[in-house]
Amino acid sequence: MSFDTESDTPSSFDVEIEYATESHLEQVFTMGSGNYQIKASGAGTDRIRFKSHSVGQVIRVNY
């Protein structure tokens, strides 16, 4: 998946990704804009959330 800001005033942002593996929920923390590849075959609901380092951002996610 990739996540990029589309804001007029771009800023870096924190990214928290949570996804199901075969045995547990995996949590990953990274910074955006950027991308991350999920390699898992678990069943469940994936989750992603963002926190801007300055002003609010409009984030585009391609999954």
PDB file of N, CA and C in Angstrom:
ATOM      1  N   MET A   1       0.844  -1.149   0.000  1.00  0.00           N
ATOM      2  CA  MET A   1       0.000   0.000   0.000  1.00  0.00           C
ATOM      3  C   MET A   1       0.895   1.218   0.000  1.00  0.00           C
ATOM      4  N   SER A   2       0.381   2.304  -0.564  1.00  0.00           N
ATOM      5  CA  SER A   2       1.116   3.567  -0.534  1.00  0.00           C
ATOM      6  C   SER A   2       0.218   4.639   0.069  1.00  0.00           C
ATOM      7  N   PHE A   3       0.848   5.627   0.675  1.00  0.00           N
ATOM      8  CA  PHE A   3       0.109   6.712   1.306  1.00  0.00           C
ATOM      9  C   PHE A   3       0.874   8.003   1.054  1.00  0.00           C
ATOM     10  N   ASP A   4       0.175   8.957   0.428  1.00  0.00           N
ATOM     11  CA  ASP A   4       0.777  10.227   0.040  1.00  0.00           C
ATOM     12  C   ASP A   4      -0.153  11.372   0.410  1.00  0.00           C
ATOM     13  N   THR A   5       0.426  12.496   0.799  1.00  0.00           N
ATOM     14  CA  THR A   5      -0.381  13.674   1.102  1.00  0.00           C
ATOM     15  C   THR A   5      -0.795  14.374  -0.189  1.00  0.00           C
ATOM     16  N   GLU A   6      -2.015  14.865  -0.216  1.00  0.00           N
ATOM     17  CA  GLU A   6      -2.522  15.636  -1.349  1.00  0.00           C
ATOM     18  C   GLU A   6      -2.849  17.059  -0.916  1.00  0.00           C
ATOM     19  N   SER A   7      -2.334  17.473   0.217  1.00  0.00           N
ATOM     20  CA  SER A   7      -2.651  18.782   0.777  1.00  0.00           C
ATOM     21  C   SER A   7      -1.870  19.891   0.087  1.00  0.00           C
ATOM     22  N   ASP A   8      -2.426  21.101   0.129  1.00  0.00           N
ATOM     23  CA  ASP A   8      -1.741  22.273  -0.407  1.00  0.00           C
ATOM     24  C   ASP A   8      -0.522  22.640   0.434  1.00  0.00           C
ATOM     25  N   THR A   9      -0.541  22.297   1.700  1.00  0.00           N
ATOM     26  CA  THR A   9       0.590  22.521   2.600  1.00  0.00           C
ATOM     27  C   THR A   9       1.080  21.162   3.085  1.00  0.00           C
ATOM     28  N   PRO A  10       1.885  20.453   2.272  1.00  0.00           N
ATOM     29  CA  PRO A  10       2.297  19.096   2.633  1.00  0.00           C
ATOM     30  C   PRO A  10       3.137  19.062   3.906  1.00  0.00           C
ATOM     31  N   SER A  11       2.996  17.988   4.640  1.00  0.00           N
ATOM     32  CA  SER A  11       3.741  17.777   5.872  1.00  0.00           C
ATOM     33  C   SER A  11       4.027  16.288   6.000  1.00  0.00           C
ATOM     34  N   SER A  12       5.083  15.951   6.710  1.00  0.00           N
ATOM     35  CA  SER A  12       5.300  14.544   7.038  1.00  0.00           C
ATOM     36  C   SER A  12       4.239  14.122   8.052  1.00  0.00           C
ATOM     37  N   PHE A  13       4.037  12.815   8.188  1.00  0.00           N
ATOM     38  CA  PHE A  13       3.019  12.312   9.104  1.00  0.00           C
ATOM     39  C   PHE A  13       3.389  10.916   9.573  1.00  0.00           C
ATOM     40  N   ASP A  14       2.920  10.567  10.765  1.00  0.00           N
ATOM     41  CA  ASP A  14       3.097   9.222  11.303  1.00  0.00           C
ATOM     42  C   ASP A  14       2.022   8.313  10.736  1.00  0.00           C
ATOM     43  N   VAL A  15       2.382   7.046  10.526  1.00  0.00           N
ATOM     44  CA  VAL A  15       1.456   6.048   9.993  1.00  0.00           C
ATOM     45  C   VAL A  15       1.453   4.851  10.938  1.00  0.00           C
ATOM     46  N   GLU A  16       0.271   4.408  11.336  1.00  0.00           N
ATOM     47  CA  GLU A  16       0.114   3.188  12.128  1.00  0.00           C
ATOM     48  C   GLU A  16      -0.725   2.216  11.308  1.00  0.00           C
ATOM     49  N   ILE A  17      -0.163   1.045  11.016  1.00  0.00           N
ATOM     50  CA  ILE A  17      -0.849   0.016  10.232  1.00  0.00           C
ATOM     51  C   ILE A  17      -1.060  -1.192  11.133  1.00  0.00           C
ATOM     52  N   GLU A  18      -2.271  -1.739  11.119  1.00  0.00           N
ATOM     53  CA  GLU A  18      -2.582  -2.940  11.894  1.00  0.00           C
ATOM     54  C   GLU A  18      -3.254  -3.939  10.965  1.00  0.00           C
ATOM     55  N   TYR A  19      -2.734  -5.178  10.936  1.00  0.00           N
ATOM     56  CA  TYR A  19      -3.306  -6.203  10.067  1.00  0.00           C
ATOM     57  C   TYR A  19      -3.194  -7.573  10.730  1.00  0.00           C
ATOM     58  N   ALA A  20      -4.056  -8.481  10.286  1.00  0.00           N
ATOM     59  CA  ALA A  20      -4.122  -9.819  10.871  1.00  0.00           C
ATOM     60  C   ALA A  20      -3.129 -10.752  10.187  1.00  0.00           C
ATOM     61  N   THR A  21      -2.339 -11.465  10.998  1.00  0.00           N
ATOM     62  CA  THR A  21      -1.509 -12.557  10.499  1.00  0.00           C
ATOM     63  C   THR A  21      -2.241 -13.853  10.835  1.00  0.00           C
ATOM     64  N   GLU A  22      -1.598 -14.977  10.610  1.00  0.00           N
ATOM     65  CA  GLU A  22      -2.246 -16.259  10.932  1.00  0.00           C
ATOM     66  C   GLU A  22      -2.464 -16.437  12.430  1.00  0.00           C
ATOM     67  N   SER A  23      -1.617 -15.794  13.267  1.00  0.00           N
ATOM     68  CA  SER A  23      -1.710 -16.045  14.703  1.00  0.00           C
ATOM     69  C   SER A  23      -2.014 -14.821  15.571  1.00  0.00           C
ATOM     70  N   HIS A  24      -1.852 -13.618  15.037  1.00  0.00           N
ATOM     71  CA  HIS A  24      -2.052 -12.428  15.867  1.00  0.00           C
ATOM     72  C   HIS A  24      -2.239 -11.187  14.995  1.00  0.00           C
ATOM     73  N   LEU A  25      -2.514 -10.059  15.658  1.00  0.00           N
ATOM     74  CA  LEU A  25      -2.566  -8.775  14.959  1.00  0.00           C
ATOM     75  C   LEU A  25      -1.163  -8.176  14.952  1.00  0.00           C
ATOM     76  N   GLU A  26      -0.703  -7.775  13.804  1.00  0.00           N
ATOM     77  CA  GLU A  26       0.619  -7.159  13.648  1.00  0.00           C
ATOM     78  C   GLU A  26       0.440  -5.647  13.579  1.00  0.00           C
ATOM     79  N   GLN A  27       1.285  -4.906  14.293  1.00  0.00           N
ATOM     80  CA  GLN A  27       1.253  -3.449  14.264  1.00  0.00           C
ATOM     81  C   GLN A  27       2.576  -2.943  13.719  1.00  0.00           C
ATOM     82  N   VAL A  28       2.499  -1.986  12.782  1.00  0.00           N
ATOM     83  CA  VAL A  28       3.682  -1.398  12.167  1.00  0.00           C
ATOM     84  C   VAL A  28       3.578   0.111  12.292  1.00  0.00           C
ATOM     85  N   PHE A  29       4.686   0.759  12.628  1.00  0.00           N
ATOM     86  CA  PHE A  29       4.740   2.216  12.708  1.00  0.00           C
ATOM     87  C   PHE A  29       5.789   2.700  11.716  1.00  0.00           C
ATOM     88  N   THR A  30       5.419   3.668  10.887  1.00  0.00           N
ATOM     89  CA  THR A  30       6.333   4.234   9.901  1.00  0.00           C
ATOM     90  C   THR A  30       5.967   5.697   9.686  1.00  0.00           C
ATOM     91  N   MET A  31       6.647   6.344   8.745  1.00  0.00           N
ATOM     92  CA  MET A  31       6.354   7.747   8.430  1.00  0.00           C
ATOM     93  C   MET A  31       5.977   7.879   6.972  1.00  0.00           C
ATOM     94  N   GLY A  32       5.177   8.892   6.665  1.00  0.00           N
ATOM     95  CA  GLY A  32       4.757   9.132   5.293  1.00  0.00           C
ATOM     96  C   GLY A  32       5.172  10.518   4.854  1.00  0.00           C
ATOM     97  N   SER A  33       5.148  10.707   3.602  1.00  0.00           N
ATOM     98  CA  SER A  33       4.609   9.886   2.529  1.00  0.00           C
ATOM     99  C   SER A  33       5.514   8.668   2.326  1.00  0.00           C
ATOM    100  N   GLY A  34       4.931   7.564   1.846  1.00  0.00           N
ATOM    101  CA  GLY A  34       5.720   6.366   1.653  1.00  0.00           C
ATOM    102  C   GLY A  34       4.866   5.188   1.269  1.00  0.00           C
ATOM    103  N   ASN A  35       5.416   3.985   1.504  1.00  0.00           N
ATOM    104  CA  ASN A  35       4.663   2.768   1.210  1.00  0.00           C
ATOM    105  C   ASN A  35       5.090   1.668   2.159  1.00  0.00           C
ATOM    106  N   TYR A  36       4.257   0.628   2.220  1.00  0.00           N
ATOM    107  CA  TYR A  36       4.532  -0.535   3.063  1.00  0.00           C
ATOM    108  C   TYR A  36       3.852  -1.736   2.439  1.00  0.00           C
ATOM    109  N   GLN A  37       4.550  -2.868   2.411  1.00  0.00           N
ATOM    110  CA  GLN A  37       3.967  -4.086   1.848  1.00  0.00           C
ATOM    111  C   GLN A  37       3.560  -5.025   2.976  1.00  0.00           C
ATOM    112  N   ILE A  38       2.283  -5.427   2.962  1.00  0.00           N
ATOM    113  CA  ILE A  38       1.766  -6.380   3.942  1.00  0.00           C
ATOM    114  C   ILE A  38       1.942  -7.777   3.378  1.00  0.00           C
ATOM    115  N   LYS A  39       2.608  -8.644   4.153  1.00  0.00           N
ATOM    116  CA  LYS A  39       2.800 -10.037   3.751  1.00  0.00           C
ATOM    117  C   LYS A  39       2.186 -10.918   4.830  1.00  0.00           C
ATOM    118  N   ALA A  40       0.914 -11.236   4.666  1.00  0.00           N
ATOM    119  CA  ALA A  40       0.214 -12.044   5.657  1.00  0.00           C
ATOM    120  C   ALA A  40      -0.977 -12.712   5.003  1.00  0.00           C
ATOM    121  N   SER A  41      -1.407 -13.827   5.593  1.00  0.00           N
ATOM    122  CA  SER A  41      -2.562 -14.545   5.052  1.00  0.00           C
ATOM    123  C   SER A  41      -3.649 -14.732   6.108  1.00  0.00           C
ATOM    124  N   GLY A  42      -3.638 -13.902   7.132  1.00  0.00           N
ATOM    125  CA  GLY A  42      -4.649 -14.005   8.178  1.00  0.00           C
ATOM    126  C   GLY A  42      -5.968 -13.387   7.744  1.00  0.00           C
ATOM    127  N   ALA A  43      -7.024 -13.764   8.442  1.00  0.00           N
ATOM    128  CA  ALA A  43      -8.356 -13.212   8.171  1.00  0.00           C
ATOM    129  C   ALA A  43      -8.664 -12.171   9.237  1.00  0.00           C
ATOM    130  N   GLY A  44      -9.166 -11.040   8.820  1.00  0.00           N
ATOM    131  CA  GLY A  44      -9.501  -9.985   9.767  1.00  0.00           C
ATOM    132  C   GLY A  44      -9.613  -8.655   9.061  1.00  0.00           C
ATOM    133  N   THR A  45      -9.742  -7.616   9.836  1.00  0.00           N
ATOM    134  CA  THR A  45      -9.898  -6.270   9.301  1.00  0.00           C
ATOM    135  C   THR A  45      -8.588  -5.507   9.432  1.00  0.00           C
ATOM    136  N   ASP A  46      -8.077  -5.027   8.312  1.00  0.00           N
ATOM    137  CA  ASP A  46      -6.878  -4.196   8.326  1.00  0.00           C
ATOM    138  C   ASP A  46      -7.264  -2.785   8.730  1.00  0.00           C
ATOM    139  N   ARG A  47      -6.322  -2.082   9.360  1.00  0.00           N
ATOM    140  CA  ARG A  47      -6.576  -0.733   9.844  1.00  0.00           C
ATOM    141  C   ARG A  47      -5.345   0.119   9.589  1.00  0.00           C
ATOM    142  N   ILE A  48      -5.559   1.372   9.219  1.00  0.00           N
ATOM    143  CA  ILE A  48      -4.456   2.312   9.061  1.00  0.00           C
ATOM    144  C   ILE A  48      -4.909   3.665   9.585  1.00  0.00           C
ATOM    145  N   ARG A  49      -4.013   4.360  10.292  1.00  0.00           N
ATOM    146  CA  ARG A  49      -4.348   5.710  10.740  1.00  0.00           C
ATOM    147  C   ARG A  49      -3.114   6.593  10.648  1.00  0.00           C
ATOM    148  N   PHE A  50      -3.374   7.891  10.591  1.00  0.00           N
ATOM    149  CA  PHE A  50      -2.327   8.866  10.334  1.00  0.00           C
ATOM    150  C   PHE A  50      -2.378   9.983  11.368  1.00  0.00           C
ATOM    151  N   LYS A  51      -1.209  10.592  11.632  1.00  0.00           N
ATOM    152  CA  LYS A  51      -1.148  11.778  12.490  1.00  0.00           C
ATOM    153  C   LYS A  51      -0.122  12.730  11.890  1.00  0.00           C
ATOM    154  N   SER A  52      -0.598  13.896  11.485  1.00  0.00           N
ATOM    155  CA  SER A  52       0.257  14.900  10.856  1.00  0.00           C
ATOM    156  C   SER A  52       1.240  15.482  11.864  1.00  0.00           C
ATOM    157  N   HIS A  53       2.429  15.873  11.376  1.00  0.00           N
ATOM    158  CA  HIS A  53       3.421  16.530  12.224  1.00  0.00           C
ATOM    159  C   HIS A  53       3.201  18.040  12.296  1.00  0.00           C
ATOM    160  N   SER A  54       2.245  18.562  11.518  1.00  0.00           N
ATOM    161  CA  SER A  54       1.951  20.007  11.583  1.00  0.00           C
ATOM    162  C   SER A  54       0.455  20.217  11.365  1.00  0.00           C
ATOM    163  N   VAL A  55       0.069  20.819  10.238  1.00  0.00           N
ATOM    164  CA  VAL A  55      -1.346  21.087   9.959  1.00  0.00           C
ATOM    165  C   VAL A  55      -2.033  19.832   9.433  1.00  0.00           C
ATOM    166  N   GLY A  56      -3.374  19.817   9.456  1.00  0.00           N
ATOM    167  CA  GLY A  56      -4.136  18.676   8.954  1.00  0.00           C
ATOM    168  C   GLY A  56      -3.782  18.350   7.510  1.00  0.00           C
ATOM    169  N   GLN A  57      -3.877  17.087   7.141  1.00  0.00           N
ATOM    170  CA  GLN A  57      -3.497  16.619   5.815  1.00  0.00           C
ATOM    171  C   GLN A  57      -4.638  15.834   5.180  1.00  0.00           C
ATOM    172  N   VAL A  58      -4.683  15.866   3.854  1.00  0.00           N
ATOM    173  CA  VAL A  58      -5.540  14.972   3.078  1.00  0.00           C
ATOM    174  C   VAL A  58      -4.616  13.875   2.571  1.00  0.00           C
ATOM    175  N   ILE A  59      -4.882  12.627   2.974  1.00  0.00           N
ATOM    176  CA  ILE A  59      -4.001  11.505   2.643  1.00  0.00           C
ATOM    177  C   ILE A  59      -4.690  10.598   1.633  1.00  0.00           C
ATOM    178  N   ARG A  60      -3.996  10.272   0.544  1.00  0.00           N
ATOM    179  CA  ARG A  60      -4.492   9.307  -0.442  1.00  0.00           C
ATOM    180  C   ARG A  60      -3.818   7.963  -0.148  1.00  0.00           C
ATOM    181  N   VAL A  61      -4.640   6.908  -0.032  1.00  0.00           N
ATOM    182  CA  VAL A  61      -4.131   5.560   0.223  1.00  0.00           C
ATOM    183  C   VAL A  61      -4.459   4.691  -0.977  1.00  0.00           C
ATOM    184  N   ASN A  62      -3.459   4.046  -1.545  1.00  0.00           N
ATOM    185  CA  ASN A  62      -3.654   3.044  -2.598  1.00  0.00           C
ATOM    186  C   ASN A  62      -3.338   1.694  -1.982  1.00  0.00           C
ATOM    187  N   TYR A  63      -4.318   0.792  -2.017  1.00  0.00           N
ATOM    188  CA  TYR A  63      -4.198  -0.480  -1.311  1.00  0.00           C
ATOM    189  C   TYR A  63      -4.273  -1.623  -2.282  1.00  0.00           C
TER     190      TYR A  63
END
